[in-house]
Structure formats: structure tokens, C-alpha cells
């Protein structure tokens, strides 16, 4: 699955790049630059997806088209989740 992620570049010195998954509620993070923000949002998506699956909840369905006029950039970011059994 791939989710739309909006990136917001810094507006002032010292600010970070913010990344927000538009079709995966709660997936918001930041990075020192665009490359770092991409890594951070991929990690946040994986962590949130794993938590949902462990709770027996479904993953959000990616939208066909997500928009945010305030975003500087919107990209599709793949989600990689590994299925497995928890150790008891």
C-alpha cells in the first residue's frame, strides 16, 4: 500500500521539514531535511500500522487522490509491514 504524504518545508531558520500522511491519521513527524523527513514518516507509518494490526484493527485505506494546498510537496510513500506471530 502507498499513502499520500504532504511535506512542509521550513519557513524560518532552525525549523524542520514536517511530514504528514494525508490518508493515515496520526502519522505526522519531522526531519532535519527532506531526506530525513522521508525516512521518519516511513518509520512512523510502519510503527502505526504495526500497532493497529496488533490491536486487530484494519489499516486505513489509501485514498486515490489526496490534496493539501498548504503542502510544498506531496508524494506517495509505500508502507511495508511484516506479518508474524508474537512470542508469548
N, C-alpha and C. Protein backbone atom coordinates (compact mmCIF):
# COMPACT_ATOMS: atom_id res chain seq x y z
N UNK A 1 0.84 -1.18 0.00
CA UNK A 1 0.00 0.00 0.00
C UNK A 1 0.89 1.25 0.00
N UNK A 2 0.37 2.28 -0.60
CA UNK A 2 1.08 3.56 -0.62
C UNK A 2 0.16 4.66 -0.12
N UNK A 3 0.70 5.51 0.72
CA UNK A 3 -0.07 6.60 1.32
C UNK A 3 0.48 7.94 0.86
N UNK A 4 -0.44 8.90 0.70
CA UNK A 4 -0.05 10.26 0.32
C UNK A 4 0.55 10.96 1.53
N UNK A 5 1.74 11.52 1.34
CA UNK A 5 2.41 12.26 2.41
C UNK A 5 2.68 13.67 1.94
N UNK A 6 2.25 14.62 2.76
CA UNK A 6 2.50 16.04 2.48
C UNK A 6 3.75 16.46 3.24
N UNK A 7 4.61 17.19 2.56
CA UNK A 7 5.82 17.71 3.18
C UNK A 7 5.73 19.24 3.21
N UNK A 8 6.09 19.80 4.34
CA UNK A 8 6.07 21.25 4.54
C UNK A 8 7.49 21.69 4.86
N UNK A 9 8.06 22.48 3.97
CA UNK A 9 9.44 22.93 4.15
C UNK A 9 9.50 24.03 5.22
N UNK A 10 10.65 24.20 5.84
CA UNK A 10 10.79 25.23 6.88
C UNK A 10 10.51 26.62 6.33
N UNK A 11 9.87 27.43 7.16
CA UNK A 11 9.58 28.82 6.77
C UNK A 11 10.56 29.80 7.41
N UNK A 12 11.28 29.30 8.42
CA UNK A 12 12.23 30.15 9.13
C UNK A 12 13.47 29.32 9.49
N UNK A 13 14.60 29.99 9.69
CA UNK A 13 15.82 29.27 10.08
C UNK A 13 15.59 28.49 11.38
N UNK A 14 16.15 27.29 11.42
CA UNK A 14 16.03 26.47 12.61
C UNK A 14 14.81 25.57 12.64
N UNK A 15 13.86 25.78 11.73
CA UNK A 15 12.69 24.91 11.66
C UNK A 15 13.02 23.65 10.88
N UNK A 16 12.20 22.63 11.07
CA UNK A 16 12.43 21.34 10.42
C UNK A 16 11.38 21.11 9.33
N UNK A 17 11.63 20.14 8.48
CA UNK A 17 10.67 19.72 7.46
C UNK A 17 9.62 18.84 8.17
N UNK A 18 8.35 19.17 7.99
CA UNK A 18 7.26 18.40 8.60
C UNK A 18 6.67 17.48 7.54
N UNK A 19 6.39 16.24 7.93
CA UNK A 19 5.77 15.26 7.04
C UNK A 19 4.48 14.76 7.68
N UNK A 20 3.41 14.74 6.90
CA UNK A 20 2.10 14.31 7.40
C UNK A 20 1.45 13.39 6.37
N UNK A 21 1.12 12.17 6.80
CA UNK A 21 0.40 11.26 5.91
C UNK A 21 -1.05 11.72 5.84
N UNK A 22 -1.49 12.09 4.66
CA UNK A 22 -2.83 12.65 4.50
C UNK A 22 -3.93 11.61 4.62
N UNK A 23 -3.62 10.36 4.32
CA UNK A 23 -4.65 9.32 4.37
C UNK A 23 -4.34 8.24 5.40
N UNK A 24 -3.50 8.58 6.40
CA UNK A 24 -3.22 7.68 7.52
C UNK A 24 -3.21 8.54 8.79
N UNK A 25 -4.37 8.69 9.44
CA UNK A 25 -4.48 9.57 10.60
C UNK A 25 -3.43 9.27 11.68
N UNK A 26 -2.83 10.32 12.19
CA UNK A 26 -1.86 10.19 13.26
C UNK A 26 -0.43 10.10 12.81
N UNK A 27 -0.19 9.90 11.53
CA UNK A 27 1.18 9.77 11.02
C UNK A 27 1.72 11.15 10.67
N UNK A 28 2.39 11.75 11.63
CA UNK A 28 2.99 13.08 11.47
C UNK A 28 4.36 13.05 12.13
N UNK A 29 5.34 13.61 11.47
CA UNK A 29 6.69 13.64 12.03
C UNK A 29 7.45 14.79 11.40
N UNK A 30 8.73 14.88 11.71
CA UNK A 30 9.57 15.92 11.12
C UNK A 30 10.99 15.41 10.96
N UNK A 31 11.74 16.12 10.12
CA UNK A 31 13.13 15.75 9.88
C UNK A 31 13.97 16.99 9.64
N UNK A 32 15.29 16.81 9.71
CA UNK A 32 16.19 17.94 9.52
C UNK A 32 16.16 18.48 8.10
N UNK A 33 15.91 17.57 7.14
CA UNK A 33 15.79 17.95 5.73
C UNK A 33 14.78 17.01 5.09
N UNK A 34 14.55 17.15 3.80
CA UNK A 34 13.54 16.35 3.12
C UNK A 34 13.87 14.86 3.18
N UNK A 35 15.12 14.50 2.98
CA UNK A 35 15.51 13.09 3.03
C UNK A 35 15.25 12.50 4.42
N UNK A 36 15.58 13.24 5.45
CA UNK A 36 15.35 12.78 6.82
C UNK A 36 13.86 12.67 7.11
N UNK A 37 13.08 13.63 6.64
CA UNK A 37 11.62 13.59 6.85
C UNK A 37 11.01 12.38 6.15
N UNK A 38 11.53 12.03 4.97
CA UNK A 38 11.04 10.83 4.27
C UNK A 38 11.30 9.56 5.08
N UNK A 39 12.49 9.47 5.65
CA UNK A 39 12.81 8.30 6.50
C UNK A 39 11.92 8.26 7.74
N UNK A 40 11.74 9.41 8.35
CA UNK A 40 10.95 9.48 9.58
C UNK A 40 9.48 9.13 9.35
N UNK A 41 8.89 9.59 8.25
CA UNK A 41 7.48 9.29 8.00
C UNK A 41 7.31 7.82 7.63
N UNK A 42 8.26 7.25 6.92
CA UNK A 42 8.18 5.82 6.61
C UNK A 42 8.20 5.00 7.90
N UNK A 43 9.05 5.40 8.84
CA UNK A 43 9.13 4.71 10.13
C UNK A 43 7.85 4.90 10.93
N UNK A 44 7.31 6.12 10.92
CA UNK A 44 6.06 6.39 11.65
C UNK A 44 4.91 5.57 11.09
N UNK A 45 4.83 5.48 9.76
CA UNK A 45 3.78 4.67 9.13
C UNK A 45 3.90 3.21 9.54
N UNK A 46 5.11 2.68 9.53
CA UNK A 46 5.32 1.28 9.92
C UNK A 46 4.92 1.04 11.38
N UNK A 47 5.33 1.95 12.26
CA UNK A 47 5.01 1.79 13.68
C UNK A 47 3.51 1.87 13.93
N UNK A 48 2.84 2.83 13.32
CA UNK A 48 1.39 2.96 13.50
C UNK A 48 0.65 1.77 12.91
N UNK A 49 1.08 1.31 11.73
CA UNK A 49 0.44 0.16 11.10
C UNK A 49 0.59 -1.08 11.97
N UNK A 50 1.80 -1.29 12.49
CA UNK A 50 2.04 -2.45 13.36
C UNK A 50 1.16 -2.40 14.60
N UNK A 51 1.03 -1.22 15.20
CA UNK A 51 0.19 -1.07 16.39
C UNK A 51 -1.27 -1.38 16.07
N UNK A 52 -1.77 -0.88 14.94
CA UNK A 52 -3.15 -1.16 14.55
C UNK A 52 -3.37 -2.66 14.34
N UNK A 53 -2.44 -3.29 13.64
CA UNK A 53 -2.58 -4.72 13.36
C UNK A 53 -2.52 -5.55 14.64
N UNK A 54 -1.65 -5.17 15.56
CA UNK A 54 -1.56 -5.89 16.83
C UNK A 54 -2.84 -5.76 17.64
N UNK A 55 -3.56 -4.65 17.47
CA UNK A 55 -4.84 -4.44 18.15
C UNK A 55 -6.01 -5.06 17.40
N UNK A 56 -5.71 -5.69 16.26
CA UNK A 56 -6.75 -6.30 15.45
C UNK A 56 -7.58 -5.31 14.65
N UNK A 57 -7.05 -4.12 14.45
CA UNK A 57 -7.77 -3.07 13.71
C UNK A 57 -7.26 -3.02 12.28
N UNK A 58 -8.12 -2.62 11.36
CA UNK A 58 -7.69 -2.52 9.96
C UNK A 58 -6.83 -1.29 9.71
N UNK A 59 -6.01 -1.39 8.69
CA UNK A 59 -5.22 -0.23 8.27
C UNK A 59 -6.13 0.72 7.49
N UNK A 60 -5.85 2.02 7.56
CA UNK A 60 -6.61 2.97 6.75
C UNK A 60 -6.45 2.65 5.26
N UNK A 61 -7.50 2.84 4.52
CA UNK A 61 -7.45 2.61 3.08
C UNK A 61 -6.88 3.86 2.41
N UNK A 62 -5.79 3.69 1.65
CA UNK A 62 -5.23 4.86 0.97
C UNK A 62 -6.23 5.46 0.00
N UNK A 63 -6.26 6.78 -0.05
CA UNK A 63 -7.16 7.45 -0.98
C UNK A 63 -6.57 7.42 -2.38
N UNK A 64 -7.45 7.56 -3.36
CA UNK A 64 -6.98 7.61 -4.74
C UNK A 64 -6.25 8.91 -5.04
N UNK A 65 -6.67 9.95 -4.35
CA UNK A 65 -6.11 11.27 -4.61
C UNK A 65 -6.25 12.11 -3.34
N UNK A 66 -5.15 12.56 -2.80
CA UNK A 66 -5.18 13.39 -1.60
C UNK A 66 -4.56 14.74 -1.92
N UNK A 67 -5.18 15.78 -1.41
CA UNK A 67 -4.70 17.14 -1.67
C UNK A 67 -4.54 17.90 -0.37
N UNK A 68 -3.59 18.80 -0.35
CA UNK A 68 -3.44 19.76 0.72
C UNK A 68 -2.77 20.98 0.11
N UNK A 69 -3.54 22.06 -0.06
CA UNK A 69 -2.98 23.22 -0.73
C UNK A 69 -1.83 23.89 0.01
N UNK A 70 -1.67 23.61 1.30
CA UNK A 70 -0.59 24.21 2.07
C UNK A 70 0.73 23.44 1.94
N UNK A 71 0.67 22.23 1.41
CA UNK A 71 1.87 21.40 1.30
C UNK A 71 2.81 21.92 0.21
N UNK A 72 4.10 21.81 0.48
CA UNK A 72 5.09 22.17 -0.53
C UNK A 72 5.31 21.03 -1.52
N UNK A 73 5.02 19.80 -1.07
CA UNK A 73 5.25 18.62 -1.88
C UNK A 73 4.37 17.50 -1.36
N UNK A 74 3.77 16.73 -2.26
CA UNK A 74 3.02 15.54 -1.87
C UNK A 74 3.58 14.36 -2.64
N UNK A 75 3.92 13.29 -1.92
CA UNK A 75 4.47 12.08 -2.53
C UNK A 75 3.70 10.86 -2.03
N UNK A 76 3.75 9.80 -2.82
CA UNK A 76 3.22 8.51 -2.37
C UNK A 76 4.35 7.76 -1.69
N UNK A 77 4.11 7.35 -0.45
CA UNK A 77 5.13 6.63 0.33
C UNK A 77 4.62 5.22 0.57
N UNK A 78 5.42 4.22 0.21
CA UNK A 78 4.99 2.83 0.42
C UNK A 78 5.06 2.44 1.89
N UNK A 79 4.12 1.60 2.28
CA UNK A 79 4.10 1.06 3.63
C UNK A 79 4.53 -0.39 3.57
N UNK A 80 5.51 -0.74 4.38
CA UNK A 80 5.99 -2.11 4.44
C UNK A 80 5.72 -2.65 5.84
N UNK A 81 4.85 -3.64 5.92
CA UNK A 81 4.52 -4.25 7.21
C UNK A 81 4.77 -5.74 7.08
N UNK A 82 5.43 -6.29 8.07
CA UNK A 82 5.73 -7.71 8.07
C UNK A 82 4.78 -8.45 8.99
N UNK A 83 4.14 -9.47 8.48
CA UNK A 83 3.23 -10.27 9.30
C UNK A 83 4.03 -11.31 10.07
N UNK A 84 3.53 -11.63 11.22
CA UNK A 84 4.24 -12.62 12.01
C UNK A 84 3.45 -12.92 13.28
N UNK A 85 4.00 -13.82 14.06
CA UNK A 85 3.34 -14.16 15.31
C UNK A 85 4.18 -13.61 16.46
N UNK A 86 3.49 -13.07 17.42
CA UNK A 86 4.17 -12.53 18.60
C UNK A 86 4.61 -13.67 19.49
N UNK A 87 5.77 -13.51 20.10
CA UNK A 87 6.25 -14.51 21.06
C UNK A 87 5.50 -14.34 22.37
N UNK A 88 5.19 -15.46 22.99
CA UNK A 88 4.47 -15.37 24.27
C UNK A 88 5.34 -15.87 25.38
